[in-house]
C-alpha atoms as a PDB file:
ATOM      1  CA  MET A   1     125.582 174.728 129.889  1.00  0.00           C
ATOM      2  CA  ARG A   2     128.541 176.643 131.645  1.00  0.00           C
ATOM      3  CA  ARG A   3     129.404 173.310 133.060  1.00  0.00           C
ATOM      4  CA  LEU A   4     129.538 171.012 130.120  1.00  0.00           C
ATOM      5  CA  LEU A   5     131.519 173.133 127.837  1.00  0.00           C
ATOM      6  CA  PRO A   6     134.539 172.123 130.332  1.00  0.00           C
ATOM      7  CA  LEU A   7     133.476 168.532 129.773  1.00  0.00           C
ATOM      8  CA  LEU A   8     133.038 168.650 125.967  1.00  0.00           C
ATOM      9  CA  GLY A   9     137.063 170.069 125.964  1.00  0.00           C
ATOM     10  CA  VAL A  10     138.294 167.277 127.685  1.00  0.00           C
ATOM     11  CA  LEU A  11     136.094 164.714 125.590  1.00  0.00           C
ATOM     12  CA  ALA A  12     138.136 166.104 122.599  1.00  0.00           C
ATOM     13  CA  GLY A  13     141.536 165.420 124.327  1.00  0.00           C
ATOM     14  CA  LEU A  14     140.616 162.448 125.646  1.00  0.00           C
ATOM     15  CA  LEU A  15     138.865 160.833 122.419  1.00  0.00           C
ATOM     16  CA  GLY A  16     140.501 162.540 119.372  1.00  0.00           C
ATOM     17  CA  SER A  17     138.294 162.298 116.510  1.00  0.00           C
ATOM     18  CA  VAL A  18     134.584 162.002 116.922  1.00  0.00           C
ATOM     19  CA  ALA A  19     132.749 161.443 114.043  1.00  0.00           C
ATOM     20  CA  ALA A  20     128.767 162.664 113.753  1.00  0.00           C
ATOM     21  CA  LEU A  21     126.169 160.862 112.385  1.00  0.00           C
ATOM     22  CA  GLY A  22     123.413 161.866 110.640  1.00  0.00           C
ATOM     23  CA  ALA A  23     119.896 161.584 113.215  1.00  0.00           C
ATOM     24  CA  GLN A  24     118.735 159.328 110.017  1.00  0.00           C
ATOM     25  CA  ASP A  25     121.131 157.090 110.070  1.00  0.00           C
ATOM     26  CA  VAL A  26     120.959 156.847 113.758  1.00  0.00           C
ATOM     27  CA  ALA A  27     117.457 155.533 113.672  1.00  0.00           C
ATOM     28  CA  ALA A  28     117.924 152.737 111.174  1.00  0.00           C
ATOM     29  CA  ILE A  29     120.756 151.743 113.163  1.00  0.00           C
ATOM     30  CA  THR A  30     118.938 151.847 116.675  1.00  0.00           C
ATOM     31  CA  ALA A  31     115.908 150.137 115.357  1.00  0.00           C
ATOM     32  CA  GLN A  32     114.870 147.708 117.841  1.00  0.00           C
ATOM     33  CA  PRO A  33     116.324 144.131 117.258  1.00  0.00           C
ATOM     34  CA  VAL A  34     115.406 140.820 118.037  1.00  0.00           C
ATOM     35  CA  VAL A  35     117.588 140.506 120.905  1.00  0.00           C
ATOM     36  CA  PRO A  36     116.555 142.618 124.052  1.00  0.00           C
ATOM     37  CA  ALA A  37     118.709 145.533 124.809  1.00  0.00           C
ATOM     38  CA  ALA A  38     120.555 146.578 128.588  1.00  0.00           C
ATOM     39  CA  GLY A  39     119.452 149.414 130.756  1.00  0.00           C
ATOM     40  CA  ALA A  40     116.640 151.958 130.696  1.00  0.00           C
ATOM     41  CA  GLN A  41     113.200 150.897 128.974  1.00  0.00           C
ATOM     42  CA  HIS A  42     112.959 154.375 127.855  1.00  0.00           C
ATOM     43  CA  PRO A  43     116.168 155.762 127.779  1.00  0.00           C
ATOM     44  CA  ASP A  44     117.407 159.671 126.426  1.00  0.00           C
ATOM     45  CA  VAL A  45     120.543 158.075 125.062  1.00  0.00           C
ATOM     46  CA  VAL A  46     120.954 154.593 123.554  1.00  0.00           C
ATOM     47  CA  ILE A  47     124.356 153.188 122.769  1.00  0.00           C
ATOM     48  CA  VAL A  48     125.276 150.628 120.098  1.00  0.00           C
ATOM     49  CA  GLU A  49     128.472 148.123 120.495  1.00  0.00           C
ATOM     50  CA  TYR A  50     129.350 146.528 117.191  1.00  0.00           C
ATOM     51  CA  LEU A  51     131.695 143.703 119.281  1.00  0.00           C
ATOM     52  CA  ASP A  52     133.417 140.431 118.927  1.00  0.00           C
ATOM     53  CA  TYR A  53     133.431 137.749 121.936  1.00  0.00           C
ATOM     54  CA  ASN A  54     137.452 137.654 120.999  1.00  0.00           C
ATOM     55  CA  CYS A  55     138.157 140.834 120.670  1.00  0.00           C
ATOM     56  CA  PRO A  56     140.190 142.251 123.829  1.00  0.00           C
ATOM     57  CA  TYR A  57     139.457 145.640 123.796  1.00  0.00           C
ATOM     58  CA  CYS A  58     135.867 145.014 123.913  1.00  0.00           C
ATOM     59  CA  ARG A  59     136.516 142.590 127.334  1.00  0.00           C
ATOM     60  CA  LYS A  60     138.226 145.730 128.245  1.00  0.00           C
ATOM     61  CA  THR A  61     135.130 148.226 128.006  1.00  0.00           C
ATOM     62  CA  ALA A  62     132.817 145.646 128.962  1.00  0.00           C
ATOM     63  CA  PRO A  63     132.761 146.333 132.638  1.00  0.00           C
ATOM     64  CA  GLU A  64     133.095 150.150 131.901  1.00  0.00           C
ATOM     65  CA  LEU A  65     129.560 149.851 130.312  1.00  0.00           C
ATOM     66  CA  ARG A  66     128.196 147.823 133.395  1.00  0.00           C
ATOM     67  CA  LYS A  67     129.339 150.583 135.441  1.00  0.00           C
ATOM     68  CA  LEU A  68     127.881 153.014 133.436  1.00  0.00           C
ATOM     69  CA  LEU A  69     124.454 151.113 133.201  1.00  0.00           C
ATOM     70  CA  HIS A  70     125.007 151.062 136.940  1.00  0.00           C
ATOM     71  CA  MET A  71     125.272 154.594 137.647  1.00  0.00           C
ATOM     72  CA  ASP A  72     123.015 156.231 135.025  1.00  0.00           C
ATOM     73  CA  PRO A  73     119.570 155.288 134.853  1.00  0.00           C
ATOM     74  CA  GLY A  74     118.662 157.237 131.768  1.00  0.00           C
ATOM     75  CA  VAL A  75     121.139 155.181 129.279  1.00  0.00           C
ATOM     76  CA  GLN A  76     120.295 151.961 127.250  1.00  0.00           C
ATOM     77  CA  ILE A  77     122.956 149.667 125.151  1.00  0.00           C
ATOM     78  CA  LEU A  78     122.229 147.761 122.304  1.00  0.00           C
ATOM     79  CA  TYR A  79     124.597 145.312 121.511  1.00  0.00           C
ATOM     80  CA  LYS A  80     125.369 143.674 117.949  1.00  0.00           C
ATOM     81  CA  GLU A  81     127.266 140.764 117.003  1.00  0.00           C
ATOM     82  CA  TRP A  82     129.998 141.564 114.711  1.00  0.00           C
ATOM     83  CA  PRO A  83     131.998 138.335 114.385  1.00  0.00           C
ATOM     84  CA  ILE A  84     135.138 139.268 112.952  1.00  0.00           C
ATOM     85  CA  PHE A  85     138.284 137.097 114.454  1.00  0.00           C
ATOM     86  CA  GLY A  86     137.131 133.804 112.637  1.00  0.00           C
ATOM     87  CA  GLY A  87     135.054 130.449 113.435  1.00  0.00           C
ATOM     88  CA  ALA A  88     135.018 130.578 117.349  1.00  0.00           C
ATOM     89  CA  SER A  89     133.559 134.412 117.216  1.00  0.00           C
ATOM     90  CA  ILE A  90     131.405 132.972 114.376  1.00  0.00           C
ATOM     91  CA  TYR A  91     129.594 130.732 116.424  1.00  0.00           C
ATOM     92  CA  ALA A  92     130.139 132.440 119.918  1.00  0.00           C
ATOM     93  CA  ALA A  93     127.918 135.112 117.942  1.00  0.00           C
ATOM     94  CA  ARG A  94     125.308 132.819 116.814  1.00  0.00           C
ATOM     95  CA  ALA A  95     125.525 131.108 120.618  1.00  0.00           C
ATOM     96  CA  ALA A  96     124.422 134.182 122.198  1.00  0.00           C
ATOM     97  CA  LEU A  97     121.652 135.026 119.378  1.00  0.00           C
ATOM     98  CA  ALA A  98     120.140 131.787 120.007  1.00  0.00           C
ATOM     99  CA  ALA A  99     119.932 132.166 123.607  1.00  0.00           C
ATOM    100  CA  HIS A 100     117.393 135.102 123.112  1.00  0.00           C
ATOM    101  CA  TRP A 101     114.605 132.112 122.204  1.00  0.00           C
ATOM    102  CA  GLN A 102     114.776 131.313 125.682  1.00  0.00           C
ATOM    103  CA  GLY A 103     115.113 134.538 127.506  1.00  0.00           C
ATOM    104  CA  LYS A 104     118.942 134.584 128.292  1.00  0.00           C
ATOM    105  CA  PHE A 105     120.380 137.044 125.695  1.00  0.00           C
ATOM    106  CA  LEU A 106     121.923 139.155 127.891  1.00  0.00           C
ATOM    107  CA  ILE A 107     123.435 136.391 130.369  1.00  0.00           C
ATOM    108  CA  ALA A 108     124.754 134.628 127.498  1.00  0.00           C
ATOM    109  CA  HIS A 109     125.982 138.052 125.999  1.00  0.00           C
ATOM    110  CA  ASP A 110     127.691 138.714 130.135  1.00  0.00           C
ATOM    111  CA  ALA A 111     129.025 135.235 130.556  1.00  0.00           C
ATOM    112  CA  LEU A 112     130.952 135.360 126.924  1.00  0.00           C
ATOM    113  CA  ILE A 113     132.538 139.215 127.126  1.00  0.00           C
ATOM    114  CA  GLY A 114     133.303 138.619 130.902  1.00  0.00           C
ATOM    115  CA  THR A 115     135.243 135.185 130.509  1.00  0.00           C
ATOM    116  CA  THR A 116     138.774 135.486 131.207  1.00  0.00           C
ATOM    117  CA  HIS A 117     139.305 132.356 129.035  1.00  0.00           C
ATOM    118  CA  ASP A 118     140.369 132.309 125.519  1.00  0.00           C
ATOM    119  CA  LEU A 119     137.329 131.225 122.908  1.00  0.00           C
ATOM    120  CA  ASP A 120     139.411 129.408 120.578  1.00  0.00           C
ATOM    121  CA  GLN A 121     137.329 126.503 119.875  1.00  0.00           C
ATOM    122  CA  ASP A 122     133.423 125.813 119.842  1.00  0.00           C
ATOM    123  CA  SER A 123     133.888 123.651 122.845  1.00  0.00           C
ATOM    124  CA  ASP A 124     135.078 126.954 125.127  1.00  0.00           C
ATOM    125  CA  VAL A 125     132.123 128.855 123.922  1.00  0.00           C
ATOM    126  CA  ASP A 126     129.643 125.857 124.911  1.00  0.00           C
ATOM    127  CA  ALA A 127     131.700 125.700 128.534  1.00  0.00           C
ATOM    128  CA  VAL A 128     131.221 129.480 129.339  1.00  0.00           C
ATOM    129  CA  LEU A 129     127.437 129.347 128.279  1.00  0.00           C
ATOM    130  CA  ARG A 130     126.794 125.922 130.042  1.00  0.00           C
ATOM    131  CA  SER A 131     128.280 127.626 133.208  1.00  0.00           C
ATOM    132  CA  ALA A 132     126.025 130.786 132.837  1.00  0.00           C
ATOM    133  CA  GLY A 133     123.256 128.603 133.097  1.00  0.00           C
ATOM    134  CA  VAL A 134     122.378 128.531 129.288  1.00  0.00           C
ATOM    135  CA  ASP A 135     120.066 125.130 128.275  1.00  0.00           C
ATOM    136  CA  MET A 136     121.982 124.163 126.092  1.00  0.00           C
ATOM    137  CA  LYS A 137     119.502 121.535 124.226  1.00  0.00           C
ATOM    138  CA  ARG A 138     117.353 124.108 123.717  1.00  0.00           C
ATOM    139  CA  LEU A 139     120.404 126.377 122.290  1.00  0.00           C
ATOM    140  CA  GLU A 140     120.853 123.930 119.551  1.00  0.00           C
ATOM    141  CA  THR A 141     117.244 123.742 119.176  1.00  0.00           C
ATOM    142  CA  ASP A 142     116.782 127.525 118.689  1.00  0.00           C
ATOM    143  CA  ARG A 143     120.061 127.624 116.812  1.00  0.00           C
ATOM    144  CA  LYS A 144     118.409 125.453 113.894  1.00  0.00           C
ATOM    145  CA  ALA A 145     115.097 126.787 114.130  1.00  0.00           C
ATOM    146  CA  HIS A 146     116.278 130.470 114.411  1.00  0.00           C
ATOM    147  CA  ALA A 147     118.967 130.349 111.970  1.00  0.00           C
ATOM    148  CA  VAL A 148     117.395 132.621 109.254  1.00  0.00           C
ATOM    149  CA  GLN A 149     116.588 135.843 112.245  1.00  0.00           C
ATOM    150  CA  ILE A 150     119.930 134.685 113.202  1.00  0.00           C
ATOM    151  CA  ASP A 151     121.609 135.001 110.213  1.00  0.00           C
ATOM    152  CA  ALA A 152     119.891 138.454 109.393  1.00  0.00           C
ATOM    153  CA  LEU A 153     121.100 139.938 112.428  1.00  0.00           C
ATOM    154  CA  LEU A 154     124.584 138.961 111.982  1.00  0.00           C
ATOM    155  CA  ALA A 155     124.458 140.106 107.848  1.00  0.00           C
ATOM    156  CA  ARG A 156     122.515 143.692 109.252  1.00  0.00           C
ATOM    157  CA  SER A 157     125.591 144.135 111.706  1.00  0.00           C
ATOM    158  CA  GLU A 158     128.044 143.800 108.552  1.00  0.00           C
ATOM    159  CA  ARG A 159     125.389 145.906 106.368  1.00  0.00           C
ATOM    160  CA  GLU A 160     125.834 148.918 109.068  1.00  0.00           C
ATOM    161  CA  THR A 161     129.700 148.579 109.985  1.00  0.00           C
ATOM    162  CA  HIS A 162     130.601 149.011 105.953  1.00  0.00           C
ATOM    163  CA  ALA A 163     128.248 151.654 105.499  1.00  0.00           C
ATOM    164  CA  LEU A 164     129.860 153.209 108.678  1.00  0.00           C
ATOM    165  CA  GLY A 165     133.222 152.925 107.075  1.00  0.00           C
ATOM    166  CA  VAL A 166     134.739 151.263 110.429  1.00  0.00           C
ATOM    167  CA  GLN A 167     137.876 148.401 110.235  1.00  0.00           C
ATOM    168  CA  GLY A 168     137.812 146.609 114.193  1.00  0.00           C
ATOM    169  CA  THR A 169     135.774 146.033 117.136  1.00  0.00           C
ATOM    170  CA  PRO A 170     134.760 147.395 119.455  1.00  0.00           C
ATOM    171  CA  VAL A 171     132.632 150.366 117.667  1.00  0.00           C
ATOM    172  CA  PHE A 172     130.521 152.460 119.635  1.00  0.00           C
ATOM    173  CA  LEU A 173     127.467 154.502 118.524  1.00  0.00           C
ATOM    174  CA  VAL A 174     126.588 157.206 121.702  1.00  0.00           C
ATOM    175  CA  GLY A 175     123.744 159.319 120.718  1.00  0.00           C
ATOM    176  CA  ARG A 176     125.150 160.196 116.885  1.00  0.00           C
ATOM    177  CA  GLN A 177     128.684 159.692 118.113  1.00  0.00           C
ATOM    178  CA  LEU A 178     130.745 157.290 116.222  1.00  0.00           C
ATOM    179  CA  VAL A 179     133.865 156.480 117.912  1.00  0.00           C
ATOM    180  CA  SER A 180     136.029 153.086 117.372  1.00  0.00           C
ATOM    181  CA  SER A 181     138.335 152.759 120.512  1.00  0.00           C
ATOM    182  CA  ALA A 182     137.922 151.074 123.778  1.00  0.00           C
ATOM    183  CA  LEU A 183     136.154 153.654 126.351  1.00  0.00           C
ATOM    184  CA  THR A 184     136.645 154.012 129.835  1.00  0.00           C
ATOM    185  CA  LEU A 185     133.960 155.249 131.933  1.00  0.00           C
ATOM    186  CA  PRO A 186     134.904 158.719 132.159  1.00  0.00           C
ATOM    187  CA  GLU A 187     134.827 158.911 128.269  1.00  0.00           C
ATOM    188  CA  LEU A 188     131.496 157.287 127.974  1.00  0.00           C
ATOM    189  CA  ARG A 189     130.203 159.605 130.709  1.00  0.00           C
ATOM    190  CA  LEU A 190     131.322 162.352 128.984  1.00  0.00           C
ATOM    191  CA  LEU A 191     130.215 160.926 125.291  1.00  0.00           C
ATOM    192  CA  VAL A 192     126.314 160.361 127.121  1.00  0.00           C
ATOM    193  CA  ALA A 193     126.427 164.213 128.372  1.00  0.00           C
ATOM    194  CA  ARG A 194     127.624 165.512 124.713  1.00  0.00           C
ATOM    195  CA  SER A 195     124.605 163.465 123.416  1.00  0.00           C
ATOM    196  CA  ARG A 196     122.199 164.853 126.041  1.00  0.00           C
ATOM    197  CA  HIS A 197     123.629 168.149 125.256  1.00  0.00           C
ATOM    198  CA  VAL A 198     123.225 167.961 121.453  1.00  0.00           C
ATOM    199  CA  THR A 199     119.715 166.459 121.825  1.00  0.00           C
ATOM    200  CA  ARG A 200     118.761 169.720 123.836  1.00  0.00           C
END
C-alpha cells in the first residue's frame, strides 16, 4: 500500500486526467467478443484498446503493449476495431476480424499494427497479411460468409466509443480507467497497478 501511493502520484503527473467508468459499463465493454484476446486466459486486469491500423499513435503504443504482456502474466488485452481513418482502415479492420475464422486474428492484428508501411490502399493491407501467412483466399471467403458478425463487431465499437464520448484513437480502458492517448510502458504499468489497487 505505501509503495503504491507514490506510484499513483506519478500516474497523475504522467497521464493528466484519467476518467473512471462504472463497473457495469466495464462489464458490458469487456464481455467476450468473437475475436480472441491476447495475454492471460484468466486475467486480473483487462485492457481494452479501440484502434485504427492507420493511427500512428496506435502503432506507437503497440510495442509497449507487447512488452507489458511479456512482463505481466495477469494482463489480458481485448483489441476492438474502430476504423476512423477511411476506406483502407475499414478494409483492414474487416480483414483482421475475418482472419479470426482461420484462427489468425492476432497474427493479422500484429502484422497490421506493426507494419512500417502506410496502408493507403486495400492492396497494401493484403500485402501485409499475405506476408504474415494469412490465407487470402480463405480470408475473402470468411469476410463474405461472416459479414453480419463483422458488421456487428464494428457497430459495437462505434456504439461504445460514442457512449464513452471519445473522439479519436487510440482509446484504452484499463480496468475502469479510461485514457485517450498513446501510452508508454511505464504509464501502462502504473495504470495496471492502480487497477489492481482499486479492485482489492
